[in-house]
N, C-alpha and C. Protein backbone atom coordinates (compact mmCIF):
# COMPACT_ATOMS: atom_id res chain seq x y z
N MET A 1 0.84 -1.19 0.00
CA MET A 1 0.00 0.00 0.00
C MET A 1 0.88 1.25 0.00
N ASN A 2 0.69 2.11 -0.99
CA ASN A 2 1.52 3.31 -1.07
C ASN A 2 0.98 4.42 -0.17
N PHE A 3 1.71 5.53 -0.12
CA PHE A 3 1.37 6.63 0.78
C PHE A 3 -0.02 7.19 0.48
N ARG A 4 -0.30 7.42 -0.80
CA ARG A 4 -1.58 8.01 -1.17
C ARG A 4 -2.74 7.11 -0.79
N THR A 5 -2.61 5.81 -1.05
CA THR A 5 -3.67 4.87 -0.72
C THR A 5 -3.88 4.79 0.79
N HIS A 6 -2.79 4.75 1.54
CA HIS A 6 -2.89 4.67 3.00
C HIS A 6 -3.54 5.94 3.55
N SER A 7 -3.15 7.09 3.02
CA SER A 7 -3.74 8.36 3.47
C SER A 7 -5.23 8.40 3.15
N THR A 8 -5.60 7.92 1.96
CA THR A 8 -7.00 7.88 1.57
C THR A 8 -7.80 6.98 2.51
N LEU A 9 -7.23 5.84 2.88
CA LEU A 9 -7.89 4.92 3.81
C LEU A 9 -8.09 5.58 5.17
N TYR A 10 -7.08 6.30 5.62
CA TYR A 10 -7.17 6.99 6.91
C TYR A 10 -8.32 7.99 6.92
N PHE A 11 -8.36 8.86 5.92
CA PHE A 11 -9.41 9.88 5.88
C PHE A 11 -10.78 9.27 5.58
N ALA A 12 -10.82 8.21 4.79
CA ALA A 12 -12.09 7.54 4.51
C ALA A 12 -12.67 6.93 5.79
N THR A 13 -11.80 6.39 6.63
CA THR A 13 -12.26 5.83 7.91
C THR A 13 -12.81 6.94 8.80
N GLY A 14 -12.14 8.09 8.80
CA GLY A 14 -12.64 9.22 9.56
C GLY A 14 -13.99 9.69 9.07
N ILE A 15 -14.16 9.76 7.75
CA ILE A 15 -15.43 10.18 7.16
C ILE A 15 -16.53 9.17 7.49
N ALA A 16 -16.17 7.88 7.45
CA ALA A 16 -17.14 6.83 7.78
C ALA A 16 -17.62 6.98 9.22
N PHE A 17 -16.68 7.29 10.13
CA PHE A 17 -17.07 7.49 11.52
C PHE A 17 -18.04 8.66 11.66
N ILE A 18 -17.71 9.78 11.01
CA ILE A 18 -18.58 10.96 11.08
C ILE A 18 -19.98 10.62 10.56
N ALA A 19 -20.05 9.86 9.46
CA ALA A 19 -21.33 9.48 8.88
C ALA A 19 -22.12 8.59 9.84
N LEU A 20 -21.43 7.61 10.43
CA LEU A 20 -22.10 6.70 11.36
C LEU A 20 -22.61 7.44 12.60
N GLU A 21 -21.82 8.37 13.09
CA GLU A 21 -22.24 9.14 14.25
C GLU A 21 -23.43 10.03 13.91
N THR A 22 -23.43 10.57 12.71
CA THR A 22 -24.52 11.45 12.28
C THR A 22 -25.85 10.71 12.24
N ILE A 23 -25.82 9.45 11.82
CA ILE A 23 -27.08 8.69 11.73
C ILE A 23 -27.39 7.94 13.03
N GLY A 24 -26.53 8.10 14.04
CA GLY A 24 -26.81 7.51 15.34
C GLY A 24 -26.44 6.05 15.49
N ALA A 25 -25.55 5.55 14.64
CA ALA A 25 -25.10 4.16 14.74
C ALA A 25 -23.99 4.08 15.80
N VAL A 26 -24.39 3.95 17.06
CA VAL A 26 -23.48 4.13 18.20
C VAL A 26 -22.33 3.13 18.20
N TRP A 27 -22.66 1.86 18.20
CA TRP A 27 -21.61 0.85 18.35
C TRP A 27 -20.75 0.72 17.09
N ALA A 28 -21.37 0.86 15.94
CA ALA A 28 -20.59 0.86 14.69
C ALA A 28 -19.65 2.06 14.68
N GLY A 29 -20.13 3.20 15.17
CA GLY A 29 -19.29 4.39 15.25
C GLY A 29 -18.10 4.19 16.16
N ILE A 30 -18.31 3.58 17.32
CA ILE A 30 -17.21 3.31 18.25
C ILE A 30 -16.18 2.39 17.60
N ALA A 31 -16.68 1.36 16.91
CA ALA A 31 -15.77 0.40 16.27
C ALA A 31 -14.92 1.08 15.20
N VAL A 32 -15.55 1.91 14.39
CA VAL A 32 -14.82 2.58 13.30
C VAL A 32 -13.87 3.63 13.86
N LYS A 33 -14.31 4.38 14.88
CA LYS A 33 -13.44 5.39 15.47
C LYS A 33 -12.18 4.76 16.06
N SER A 34 -12.32 3.55 16.58
CA SER A 34 -11.16 2.87 17.19
C SER A 34 -10.11 2.49 16.16
N LEU A 35 -10.44 2.62 14.86
CA LEU A 35 -9.49 2.27 13.79
C LEU A 35 -8.71 3.48 13.28
N ILE A 36 -9.20 4.70 13.54
CA ILE A 36 -8.64 5.89 12.90
C ILE A 36 -7.17 6.10 13.27
N ILE A 37 -6.88 6.24 14.56
CA ILE A 37 -5.50 6.49 14.98
C ILE A 37 -4.59 5.29 14.75
N PRO A 38 -5.05 4.04 14.97
CA PRO A 38 -4.19 2.91 14.61
C PRO A 38 -3.75 2.92 13.14
N LEU A 39 -4.62 3.38 12.24
CA LEU A 39 -4.22 3.50 10.83
C LEU A 39 -3.10 4.52 10.67
N LEU A 40 -3.18 5.60 11.44
CA LEU A 40 -2.12 6.62 11.37
C LEU A 40 -0.83 6.11 11.98
N ILE A 41 -0.94 5.36 13.07
CA ILE A 41 0.26 4.75 13.68
C ILE A 41 0.91 3.79 12.69
N TRP A 42 0.09 3.00 12.02
CA TRP A 42 0.62 2.07 11.01
C TRP A 42 1.34 2.82 9.90
N LEU A 43 0.76 3.92 9.44
CA LEU A 43 1.41 4.74 8.41
C LEU A 43 2.74 5.28 8.93
N TYR A 44 2.73 5.79 10.16
CA TYR A 44 3.96 6.36 10.73
C TYR A 44 5.04 5.29 10.85
N LEU A 45 4.66 4.11 11.30
CA LEU A 45 5.64 3.03 11.46
C LEU A 45 6.23 2.62 10.11
N ARG A 46 5.43 2.68 9.07
CA ARG A 46 5.94 2.36 7.73
C ARG A 46 6.98 3.39 7.29
N PHE A 47 6.76 4.65 7.65
CA PHE A 47 7.73 5.71 7.34
C PHE A 47 9.06 5.48 8.05
N VAL A 48 8.98 5.15 9.35
CA VAL A 48 10.19 5.16 10.19
C VAL A 48 10.85 3.78 10.27
N ARG A 49 10.34 2.79 9.57
CA ARG A 49 10.91 1.46 9.61
C ARG A 49 12.40 1.51 9.24
N GLY A 50 13.21 1.05 10.17
CA GLY A 50 14.65 1.08 9.96
C GLY A 50 15.30 2.39 10.34
N HIS A 51 14.48 3.38 10.80
CA HIS A 51 15.03 4.69 11.17
C HIS A 51 14.55 5.10 12.57
N GLY A 52 14.26 4.11 13.41
CA GLY A 52 13.71 4.40 14.72
C GLY A 52 14.66 5.19 15.61
N ASN A 53 14.10 6.10 16.40
CA ASN A 53 14.87 6.83 17.40
C ASN A 53 13.93 7.30 18.50
N CYS A 54 14.45 8.02 19.48
CA CYS A 54 13.64 8.46 20.61
C CYS A 54 12.50 9.37 20.17
N PHE A 55 12.77 10.24 19.22
CA PHE A 55 11.75 11.17 18.74
C PHE A 55 10.55 10.40 18.18
N HIS A 56 10.80 9.43 17.34
CA HIS A 56 9.71 8.65 16.75
C HIS A 56 8.95 7.89 17.82
N SER A 57 9.66 7.38 18.83
CA SER A 57 8.99 6.68 19.93
C SER A 57 8.03 7.62 20.67
N LEU A 58 8.46 8.87 20.85
CA LEU A 58 7.60 9.85 21.51
C LEU A 58 6.34 10.13 20.70
N ILE A 59 6.50 10.30 19.39
CA ILE A 59 5.35 10.60 18.54
C ILE A 59 4.37 9.43 18.54
N ILE A 60 4.88 8.22 18.44
CA ILE A 60 4.00 7.04 18.46
C ILE A 60 3.28 6.93 19.80
N THR A 61 4.00 7.21 20.90
CA THR A 61 3.38 7.16 22.22
C THR A 61 2.27 8.20 22.34
N ALA A 62 2.50 9.39 21.80
CA ALA A 62 1.47 10.43 21.81
C ALA A 62 0.24 9.98 21.02
N LEU A 63 0.46 9.30 19.91
CA LEU A 63 -0.66 8.79 19.12
C LEU A 63 -1.42 7.70 19.87
N VAL A 64 -0.71 6.86 20.61
CA VAL A 64 -1.38 5.82 21.41
C VAL A 64 -2.27 6.45 22.47
N PHE A 65 -1.76 7.48 23.17
CA PHE A 65 -2.58 8.17 24.17
C PHE A 65 -3.77 8.86 23.49
N SER A 66 -3.57 9.38 22.29
CA SER A 66 -4.68 9.99 21.56
C SER A 66 -5.74 8.95 21.24
N TRP A 67 -5.31 7.77 20.86
CA TRP A 67 -6.25 6.68 20.57
C TRP A 67 -7.07 6.31 21.81
N LEU A 68 -6.39 6.21 22.95
CA LEU A 68 -7.10 5.92 24.20
C LEU A 68 -8.09 7.04 24.53
N GLY A 69 -7.66 8.28 24.29
CA GLY A 69 -8.54 9.42 24.52
C GLY A 69 -9.76 9.38 23.61
N ASP A 70 -9.56 9.01 22.35
CA ASP A 70 -10.68 8.88 21.41
C ASP A 70 -11.73 7.91 21.94
N ILE A 71 -11.28 6.74 22.39
CA ILE A 71 -12.21 5.73 22.88
C ILE A 71 -12.94 6.22 24.12
N ALA A 72 -12.18 6.82 25.05
CA ALA A 72 -12.79 7.30 26.30
C ALA A 72 -13.85 8.37 26.01
N LEU A 73 -13.53 9.31 25.13
CA LEU A 73 -14.50 10.37 24.83
C LEU A 73 -15.74 9.81 24.15
N GLN A 74 -15.56 8.78 23.35
CA GLN A 74 -16.71 8.18 22.67
C GLN A 74 -17.61 7.46 23.67
N LEU A 75 -17.03 6.97 24.77
CA LEU A 75 -17.82 6.27 25.80
C LEU A 75 -18.49 7.23 26.76
N THR A 76 -18.19 8.52 26.62
CA THR A 76 -18.82 9.52 27.50
C THR A 76 -20.34 9.50 27.39
N GLN A 77 -20.86 9.09 26.25
CA GLN A 77 -22.31 9.04 26.08
C GLN A 77 -22.97 8.01 26.99
N PHE A 78 -22.17 7.07 27.52
CA PHE A 78 -22.70 6.08 28.46
C PHE A 78 -22.41 6.45 29.92
N GLN A 79 -21.26 7.09 30.14
CA GLN A 79 -20.85 7.45 31.50
C GLN A 79 -19.98 8.70 31.43
N GLU A 80 -20.44 9.78 32.07
CA GLU A 80 -19.78 11.08 31.98
C GLU A 80 -18.34 11.03 32.51
N THR A 81 -18.05 10.09 33.41
CA THR A 81 -16.70 9.97 33.97
C THR A 81 -15.66 9.77 32.87
N PHE A 82 -16.05 9.13 31.77
CA PHE A 82 -15.11 8.86 30.69
C PHE A 82 -14.58 10.15 30.06
N PHE A 83 -15.33 11.26 30.20
CA PHE A 83 -14.84 12.52 29.64
C PHE A 83 -13.55 12.94 30.33
N LEU A 84 -13.52 12.81 31.64
CA LEU A 84 -12.31 13.17 32.39
C LEU A 84 -11.16 12.24 32.02
N VAL A 85 -11.47 10.96 31.81
CA VAL A 85 -10.44 10.00 31.38
C VAL A 85 -9.89 10.42 30.01
N GLY A 86 -10.78 10.80 29.12
CA GLY A 86 -10.36 11.24 27.79
C GLY A 86 -9.49 12.48 27.84
N VAL A 87 -9.88 13.44 28.67
CA VAL A 87 -9.08 14.65 28.83
C VAL A 87 -7.69 14.29 29.36
N GLY A 88 -7.64 13.36 30.32
CA GLY A 88 -6.35 12.93 30.87
C GLY A 88 -5.46 12.29 29.81
N CYS A 89 -6.05 11.44 28.96
CA CYS A 89 -5.28 10.79 27.89
C CYS A 89 -4.73 11.82 26.91
N PHE A 90 -5.56 12.76 26.53
CA PHE A 90 -5.10 13.79 25.59
C PHE A 90 -4.11 14.74 26.25
N LEU A 91 -4.22 14.94 27.55
CA LEU A 91 -3.23 15.74 28.27
C LEU A 91 -1.85 15.10 28.15
N PHE A 92 -1.78 13.79 28.35
CA PHE A 92 -0.50 13.09 28.20
C PHE A 92 -0.01 13.15 26.76
N ALA A 93 -0.93 13.03 25.79
CA ALA A 93 -0.53 13.12 24.38
C ALA A 93 0.08 14.48 24.08
N GLN A 94 -0.55 15.55 24.58
CA GLN A 94 -0.02 16.89 24.34
C GLN A 94 1.33 17.10 25.02
N LEU A 95 1.47 16.57 26.23
CA LEU A 95 2.75 16.67 26.93
C LEU A 95 3.87 15.99 26.15
N ILE A 96 3.55 14.83 25.58
CA ILE A 96 4.56 14.07 24.83
C ILE A 96 4.91 14.79 23.53
N TYR A 97 3.90 15.30 22.82
CA TYR A 97 4.19 16.10 21.63
C TYR A 97 5.08 17.29 22.00
N MET A 98 4.74 17.96 23.10
CA MET A 98 5.49 19.13 23.54
C MET A 98 6.96 18.78 23.80
N VAL A 99 7.18 17.68 24.51
CA VAL A 99 8.56 17.24 24.80
C VAL A 99 9.30 16.92 23.51
N ALA A 100 8.64 16.21 22.60
CA ALA A 100 9.28 15.85 21.32
C ALA A 100 9.68 17.10 20.54
N PHE A 101 8.82 18.09 20.49
CA PHE A 101 9.10 19.31 19.73
C PHE A 101 10.19 20.15 20.40
N PHE A 102 10.11 20.30 21.72
CA PHE A 102 11.08 21.13 22.43
C PHE A 102 12.48 20.52 22.43
N THR A 103 12.56 19.18 22.50
CA THR A 103 13.87 18.54 22.62
C THR A 103 14.54 18.31 21.27
N THR A 104 13.86 18.67 20.17
CA THR A 104 14.50 18.60 18.87
C THR A 104 15.69 19.55 18.87
N PRO A 105 16.89 19.07 18.53
CA PRO A 105 18.09 19.93 18.58
C PRO A 105 17.98 21.15 17.68
N GLY A 106 18.49 22.26 18.15
CA GLY A 106 18.49 23.48 17.34
C GLY A 106 18.19 24.71 18.17
N GLU A 107 18.03 25.83 17.49
CA GLU A 107 17.82 27.11 18.14
C GLU A 107 16.39 27.24 18.65
N ASN A 108 16.24 27.64 19.92
CA ASN A 108 14.92 27.87 20.51
C ASN A 108 14.51 29.32 20.26
N ALA A 109 14.17 29.62 19.03
CA ALA A 109 13.95 31.00 18.60
C ALA A 109 12.78 31.66 19.32
N VAL A 110 11.69 30.92 19.55
CA VAL A 110 10.49 31.54 20.09
C VAL A 110 10.69 32.07 21.50
N PHE A 111 11.67 31.56 22.23
CA PHE A 111 11.90 32.02 23.59
C PHE A 111 13.07 32.99 23.72
N PHE A 112 13.69 33.32 22.61
CA PHE A 112 14.83 34.23 22.66
C PHE A 112 14.64 35.38 21.66
N ARG A 113 14.86 35.11 20.38
CA ARG A 113 14.81 36.19 19.40
C ARG A 113 13.38 36.53 18.97
N LYS A 114 12.45 35.57 19.06
CA LYS A 114 11.10 35.79 18.53
C LYS A 114 10.03 35.53 19.57
N ILE A 115 10.22 36.05 20.75
CA ILE A 115 9.26 35.82 21.83
C ILE A 115 7.90 36.41 21.51
N TYR A 116 7.87 37.40 20.62
CA TYR A 116 6.60 38.01 20.23
C TYR A 116 5.65 37.01 19.57
N LEU A 117 6.19 35.91 19.03
CA LEU A 117 5.34 34.90 18.41
C LEU A 117 4.45 34.21 19.43
N ALA A 118 4.85 34.28 20.71
CA ALA A 118 4.05 33.64 21.76
C ALA A 118 2.82 34.47 22.12
N ILE A 119 2.81 35.74 21.79
CA ILE A 119 1.74 36.64 22.23
C ILE A 119 0.36 36.19 21.74
N PRO A 120 0.17 35.94 20.41
CA PRO A 120 -1.18 35.52 19.97
C PRO A 120 -1.61 34.18 20.56
N VAL A 121 -0.65 33.29 20.81
CA VAL A 121 -0.98 31.99 21.41
C VAL A 121 -1.50 32.19 22.84
N VAL A 122 -0.79 33.02 23.61
CA VAL A 122 -1.19 33.29 24.99
C VAL A 122 -2.54 34.01 25.03
N LEU A 123 -2.72 34.97 24.15
CA LEU A 123 -3.99 35.71 24.11
C LEU A 123 -5.16 34.79 23.76
N TYR A 124 -4.95 33.90 22.80
CA TYR A 124 -6.03 32.98 22.43
C TYR A 124 -6.35 32.05 23.60
N GLY A 125 -5.31 31.53 24.25
CA GLY A 125 -5.53 30.64 25.38
C GLY A 125 -6.30 31.32 26.50
N CYS A 126 -5.92 32.55 26.81
CA CYS A 126 -6.64 33.31 27.85
C CYS A 126 -8.07 33.60 27.43
N GLY A 127 -8.25 33.90 26.15
CA GLY A 127 -9.58 34.19 25.64
C GLY A 127 -10.51 33.00 25.71
N ILE A 128 -10.01 31.82 25.33
CA ILE A 128 -10.87 30.63 25.35
C ILE A 128 -11.20 30.24 26.79
N LEU A 129 -10.26 30.41 27.71
CA LEU A 129 -10.55 30.13 29.11
C LEU A 129 -11.59 31.11 29.67
N TRP A 130 -11.47 32.37 29.30
CA TRP A 130 -12.45 33.38 29.73
C TRP A 130 -13.84 33.01 29.25
N LEU A 131 -13.93 32.52 28.02
CA LEU A 131 -15.21 32.12 27.45
C LEU A 131 -15.79 30.89 28.16
N LEU A 132 -14.93 29.94 28.47
CA LEU A 132 -15.38 28.67 29.04
C LEU A 132 -15.65 28.72 30.53
N PHE A 133 -14.91 29.55 31.25
CA PHE A 133 -14.85 29.48 32.70
C PHE A 133 -16.22 29.47 33.40
N PRO A 134 -17.18 30.31 33.01
CA PRO A 134 -18.47 30.32 33.73
C PRO A 134 -19.19 28.97 33.72
N GLY A 135 -18.98 28.16 32.69
CA GLY A 135 -19.70 26.89 32.58
C GLY A 135 -18.92 25.66 32.98
N LEU A 136 -17.69 25.83 33.46
CA LEU A 136 -16.83 24.67 33.71
C LEU A 136 -17.16 23.92 35.01
N GLY A 137 -17.70 24.60 35.99
CA GLY A 137 -18.02 23.93 37.25
C GLY A 137 -16.80 23.29 37.88
N ASP A 138 -16.92 21.98 38.21
CA ASP A 138 -15.83 21.25 38.86
C ASP A 138 -14.64 20.98 37.92
N MET A 139 -14.81 21.28 36.64
CA MET A 139 -13.76 21.01 35.66
C MET A 139 -12.82 22.19 35.47
N LYS A 140 -12.98 23.25 36.25
CA LYS A 140 -12.17 24.46 36.05
C LYS A 140 -10.67 24.16 36.06
N LEU A 141 -10.19 23.44 37.08
CA LEU A 141 -8.76 23.16 37.18
C LEU A 141 -8.28 22.27 36.05
N SER A 142 -9.03 21.20 35.78
CA SER A 142 -8.63 20.25 34.73
C SER A 142 -8.54 20.91 33.36
N ILE A 143 -9.55 21.70 33.02
CA ILE A 143 -9.57 22.34 31.71
C ILE A 143 -8.52 23.43 31.62
N THR A 144 -8.27 24.13 32.73
CA THR A 144 -7.22 25.16 32.73
C THR A 144 -5.86 24.54 32.49
N VAL A 145 -5.57 23.45 33.20
CA VAL A 145 -4.29 22.76 33.02
C VAL A 145 -4.16 22.26 31.58
N TYR A 146 -5.21 21.65 31.06
CA TYR A 146 -5.17 21.14 29.69
C TYR A 146 -4.95 22.27 28.68
N THR A 147 -5.62 23.40 28.90
CA THR A 147 -5.47 24.54 28.00
C THR A 147 -4.04 25.06 27.99
N VAL A 148 -3.44 25.14 29.17
CA VAL A 148 -2.04 25.60 29.26
C VAL A 148 -1.12 24.64 28.52
N ILE A 149 -1.33 23.35 28.71
CA ILE A 149 -0.45 22.34 28.09
C ILE A 149 -0.59 22.36 26.57
N ILE A 150 -1.81 22.38 26.05
CA ILE A 150 -1.96 22.29 24.59
C ILE A 150 -1.45 23.57 23.92
N HIS A 151 -1.58 24.71 24.59
CA HIS A 151 -1.04 25.94 24.00
C HIS A 151 0.49 25.97 24.10
N THR A 152 1.02 25.34 25.13
CA THR A 152 2.48 25.20 25.20
C THR A 152 2.97 24.26 24.10
N MET A 153 2.17 23.24 23.78
CA MET A 153 2.51 22.36 22.66
C MET A 153 2.58 23.15 21.36
N LEU A 154 1.63 24.07 21.17
CA LEU A 154 1.65 24.92 19.98
C LEU A 154 2.91 25.80 19.96
N LEU A 155 3.28 26.35 21.11
CA LEU A 155 4.51 27.14 21.19
C LEU A 155 5.72 26.28 20.83
N ALA A 156 5.70 25.02 21.27
CA ALA A 156 6.80 24.12 20.94
C ALA A 156 6.85 23.85 19.44
N ALA A 157 5.67 23.77 18.81
CA ALA A 157 5.63 23.58 17.35
C ALA A 157 6.18 24.81 16.64
N ILE A 158 5.83 26.00 17.13
CA ILE A 158 6.36 27.24 16.55
C ILE A 158 7.87 27.30 16.75
N ASN A 159 8.33 26.81 17.89
CA ASN A 159 9.75 26.85 18.24
C ASN A 159 10.62 25.98 17.33
N ARG A 160 9.99 25.10 16.52
CA ARG A 160 10.73 24.23 15.61
C ARG A 160 11.21 24.97 14.36
N GLU A 161 10.82 26.23 14.21
CA GLU A 161 11.06 26.95 12.95
C GLU A 161 12.50 26.86 12.48
N LYS A 162 13.47 27.04 13.36
CA LYS A 162 14.88 27.03 12.99
C LYS A 162 15.54 25.67 13.22
N LYS A 163 14.75 24.69 13.60
CA LYS A 163 15.30 23.38 13.92
C LYS A 163 15.12 22.36 12.81
N VAL A 164 14.09 22.56 11.98
CA VAL A 164 13.73 21.56 10.97
C VAL A 164 13.54 22.23 9.62
N ASN A 165 13.36 21.41 8.60
CA ASN A 165 13.12 21.98 7.27
C ASN A 165 11.74 22.63 7.20
N ARG A 166 11.54 23.47 6.20
CA ARG A 166 10.33 24.29 6.11
C ARG A 166 9.06 23.44 6.01
N GLN A 167 9.11 22.37 5.23
CA GLN A 167 7.92 21.55 5.05
C GLN A 167 7.48 20.91 6.37
N SER A 168 8.44 20.36 7.09
CA SER A 168 8.14 19.74 8.38
C SER A 168 7.56 20.77 9.34
N PHE A 169 8.18 21.94 9.39
CA PHE A 169 7.72 23.00 10.29
C PHE A 169 6.27 23.38 10.00
N LEU A 170 5.95 23.63 8.74
CA LEU A 170 4.62 24.10 8.38
C LEU A 170 3.55 23.03 8.61
N LEU A 171 3.87 21.78 8.29
CA LEU A 171 2.90 20.70 8.50
C LEU A 171 2.57 20.53 9.98
N VAL A 172 3.59 20.48 10.81
CA VAL A 172 3.37 20.31 12.25
C VAL A 172 2.67 21.52 12.84
N LEU A 173 3.06 22.71 12.41
CA LEU A 173 2.42 23.93 12.90
C LEU A 173 0.93 23.94 12.55
N ALA A 174 0.60 23.61 11.31
CA ALA A 174 -0.80 23.56 10.90
C ALA A 174 -1.57 22.52 11.71
N GLY A 175 -0.92 21.37 11.95
CA GLY A 175 -1.56 20.33 12.74
C GLY A 175 -1.82 20.78 14.17
N ALA A 176 -0.85 21.46 14.78
CA ALA A 176 -1.00 21.94 16.15
C ALA A 176 -2.13 22.97 16.25
N ILE A 177 -2.21 23.87 15.27
CA ILE A 177 -3.28 24.87 15.27
C ILE A 177 -4.65 24.21 15.12
N LEU A 178 -4.75 23.22 14.23
CA LEU A 178 -6.02 22.52 14.05
C LEU A 178 -6.40 21.72 15.30
N PHE A 179 -5.40 21.19 16.01
CA PHE A 179 -5.66 20.46 17.24
C PHE A 179 -6.30 21.40 18.27
N ILE A 180 -5.76 22.59 18.40
CA ILE A 180 -6.33 23.57 19.33
C ILE A 180 -7.73 23.97 18.88
N LEU A 181 -7.92 24.14 17.58
CA LEU A 181 -9.25 24.47 17.06
C LEU A 181 -10.25 23.38 17.41
N SER A 182 -9.87 22.13 17.17
CA SER A 182 -10.75 21.01 17.47
C SER A 182 -11.13 20.96 18.94
N ASP A 183 -10.12 21.08 19.82
CA ASP A 183 -10.39 21.03 21.26
C ASP A 183 -11.20 22.24 21.72
N SER A 184 -10.98 23.39 21.10
CA SER A 184 -11.78 24.57 21.42
C SER A 184 -13.25 24.33 21.08
N LEU A 185 -13.49 23.71 19.93
CA LEU A 185 -14.86 23.42 19.52
C LEU A 185 -15.52 22.41 20.46
N VAL A 186 -14.74 21.41 20.90
CA VAL A 186 -15.27 20.45 21.88
C VAL A 186 -15.73 21.17 23.13
N ALA A 187 -14.86 22.05 23.65
CA ALA A 187 -15.16 22.75 24.89
C ALA A 187 -16.33 23.71 24.73
N ILE A 188 -16.37 24.46 23.64
CA ILE A 188 -17.48 25.39 23.41
C ILE A 188 -18.80 24.64 23.29
N ASN A 189 -18.78 23.54 22.55
CA ASN A 189 -20.01 22.75 22.36
C ASN A 189 -20.50 22.15 23.68
N LYS A 190 -19.57 21.81 24.57
CA LYS A 190 -19.93 21.15 25.82
C LYS A 190 -20.25 22.14 26.94
N TYR A 191 -19.46 23.21 27.02
CA TYR A 191 -19.57 24.08 28.20
C TYR A 191 -20.16 25.46 27.93
N VAL A 192 -20.28 25.87 26.67
CA VAL A 192 -20.82 27.19 26.36
C VAL A 192 -22.17 27.07 25.67
N GLN A 193 -22.17 26.54 24.46
CA GLN A 193 -23.39 26.45 23.69
C GLN A 193 -23.26 25.37 22.61
N PRO A 194 -24.06 24.32 22.68
CA PRO A 194 -24.04 23.32 21.60
C PRO A 194 -24.39 24.00 20.27
N PHE A 195 -23.70 23.58 19.21
CA PHE A 195 -23.98 24.20 17.92
C PHE A 195 -24.13 23.13 16.84
N GLU A 196 -24.83 23.49 15.80
CA GLU A 196 -25.13 22.55 14.72
C GLU A 196 -23.85 22.13 14.01
N LEU A 197 -23.79 20.87 13.65
CA LEU A 197 -22.67 20.28 12.92
C LEU A 197 -21.38 20.30 13.76
N ALA A 198 -21.52 20.36 15.08
CA ALA A 198 -20.34 20.42 15.96
C ALA A 198 -19.44 19.21 15.76
N ARG A 199 -20.03 18.01 15.75
CA ARG A 199 -19.21 16.81 15.67
C ARG A 199 -18.46 16.72 14.34
N ILE A 200 -19.09 17.18 13.27
CA ILE A 200 -18.41 17.17 11.98
C ILE A 200 -17.20 18.10 12.01
N ALA A 201 -17.40 19.30 12.55
CA ALA A 201 -16.30 20.27 12.63
C ALA A 201 -15.19 19.78 13.55
N ILE A 202 -15.59 19.20 14.68
CA ILE A 202 -14.60 18.72 15.66
C ILE A 202 -13.77 17.58 15.09
N MET A 203 -14.44 16.58 14.54
CA MET A 203 -13.72 15.40 14.08
C MET A 203 -12.92 15.66 12.82
N SER A 204 -13.43 16.47 11.91
CA SER A 204 -12.68 16.74 10.68
C SER A 204 -11.40 17.50 10.99
N SER A 205 -11.47 18.47 11.90
CA SER A 205 -10.27 19.22 12.28
C SER A 205 -9.30 18.35 13.07
N TYR A 206 -9.83 17.48 13.93
CA TYR A 206 -8.99 16.60 14.74
C TYR A 206 -8.25 15.57 13.87
N ILE A 207 -8.97 14.92 12.97
CA ILE A 207 -8.37 13.90 12.11
C ILE A 207 -7.28 14.52 11.24
N THR A 208 -7.56 15.69 10.70
CA THR A 208 -6.56 16.38 9.88
C THR A 208 -5.36 16.81 10.70
N ALA A 209 -5.61 17.28 11.93
CA ALA A 209 -4.52 17.72 12.81
C ALA A 209 -3.54 16.59 13.09
N GLN A 210 -4.05 15.45 13.47
CA GLN A 210 -3.17 14.32 13.79
C GLN A 210 -2.38 13.89 12.57
N TYR A 211 -3.02 13.88 11.42
CA TYR A 211 -2.34 13.49 10.18
C TYR A 211 -1.20 14.45 9.85
N LEU A 212 -1.47 15.75 9.94
CA LEU A 212 -0.44 16.74 9.60
C LEU A 212 0.74 16.67 10.56
N ILE A 213 0.46 16.47 11.84
CA ILE A 213 1.56 16.35 12.81
C ILE A 213 2.41 15.12 12.51
N ALA A 214 1.75 13.98 12.29
CA ALA A 214 2.49 12.74 12.04
C ALA A 214 3.33 12.82 10.77
N VAL A 215 2.72 13.26 9.67
CA VAL A 215 3.46 13.35 8.41
C VAL A 215 4.55 14.41 8.52
N GLY A 216 4.25 15.52 9.18
CA GLY A 216 5.26 16.57 9.37
C GLY A 216 6.46 16.07 10.14
N CYS A 217 6.23 15.21 11.11
CA CYS A 217 7.35 14.67 11.89
C CYS A 217 8.22 13.73 11.07
N THR A 218 7.62 13.01 10.13
CA THR A 218 8.44 12.17 9.25
C THR A 218 9.25 13.02 8.29
N ARG A 219 8.68 14.14 7.86
CA ARG A 219 9.39 15.03 6.94
C ARG A 219 10.59 15.70 7.62
N GLN A 220 10.56 15.76 8.93
CA GLN A 220 11.69 16.32 9.68
C GLN A 220 12.98 15.56 9.37
N PHE A 221 12.81 14.27 9.10
CA PHE A 221 13.97 13.42 8.80
C PHE A 221 14.03 13.06 7.32
N ASN A 222 13.23 13.77 6.52
CA ASN A 222 13.19 13.54 5.06
C ASN A 222 12.85 12.10 4.72
N LEU A 223 11.99 11.49 5.55
CA LEU A 223 11.56 10.13 5.28
C LEU A 223 10.43 10.16 4.26
N THR A 224 10.45 9.28 3.31
CA THR A 224 9.42 9.25 2.27
C THR A 224 8.87 7.85 2.15
N LEU A 225 7.65 7.77 1.63
CA LEU A 225 7.00 6.50 1.41
C LEU A 225 6.27 6.59 0.08
N LYS A 226 6.61 5.77 -0.87
CA LYS A 226 5.98 5.83 -2.19
C LYS A 226 4.60 5.22 -2.17
């Protein structure tokens, strides 16, 4: 299976999940959703075969935690406790992405010469917390911590600018931004105001975000798959 076919399968599985969820096919939706991230892990492993290192192990581990988070969030419809489990899994995924991006050798430009790049990230994070805070209830601390971590992950993605090639930088940056967009939509839909087509917007941005981050990380090492 070549790169294009594998990518098509990944996105087709995501679209199938969105369709099943839209028509209310609960168990079929859970089954299909459980395949999305494993397909991406399989694609990533095909890229890095024979080129394994600590960085790739971190990215794969982050994807595994994302997969666990996907399952937990999908089970929230049966038991609300699973939402907190899902947030915890994604918190670990974001921490691992953050460590992988920050520990990439090279110049840490965003914290020295280009600290101004952090300003819009911080402002957005503060803004989304301000919007969410009145409705968070007992989740105030958990969501605040998660918001800080995922925005720090975005800063770490921005910080890669002088560490990696342009293609890798832009792919991962776009993925990190879409990840924050997806999580923002989850939070707004849950704690502020449910909105029409929320799940389509959330899942399409999330699936694309994970794909861009994974492929961008392989491009960091100029790994290709025909």
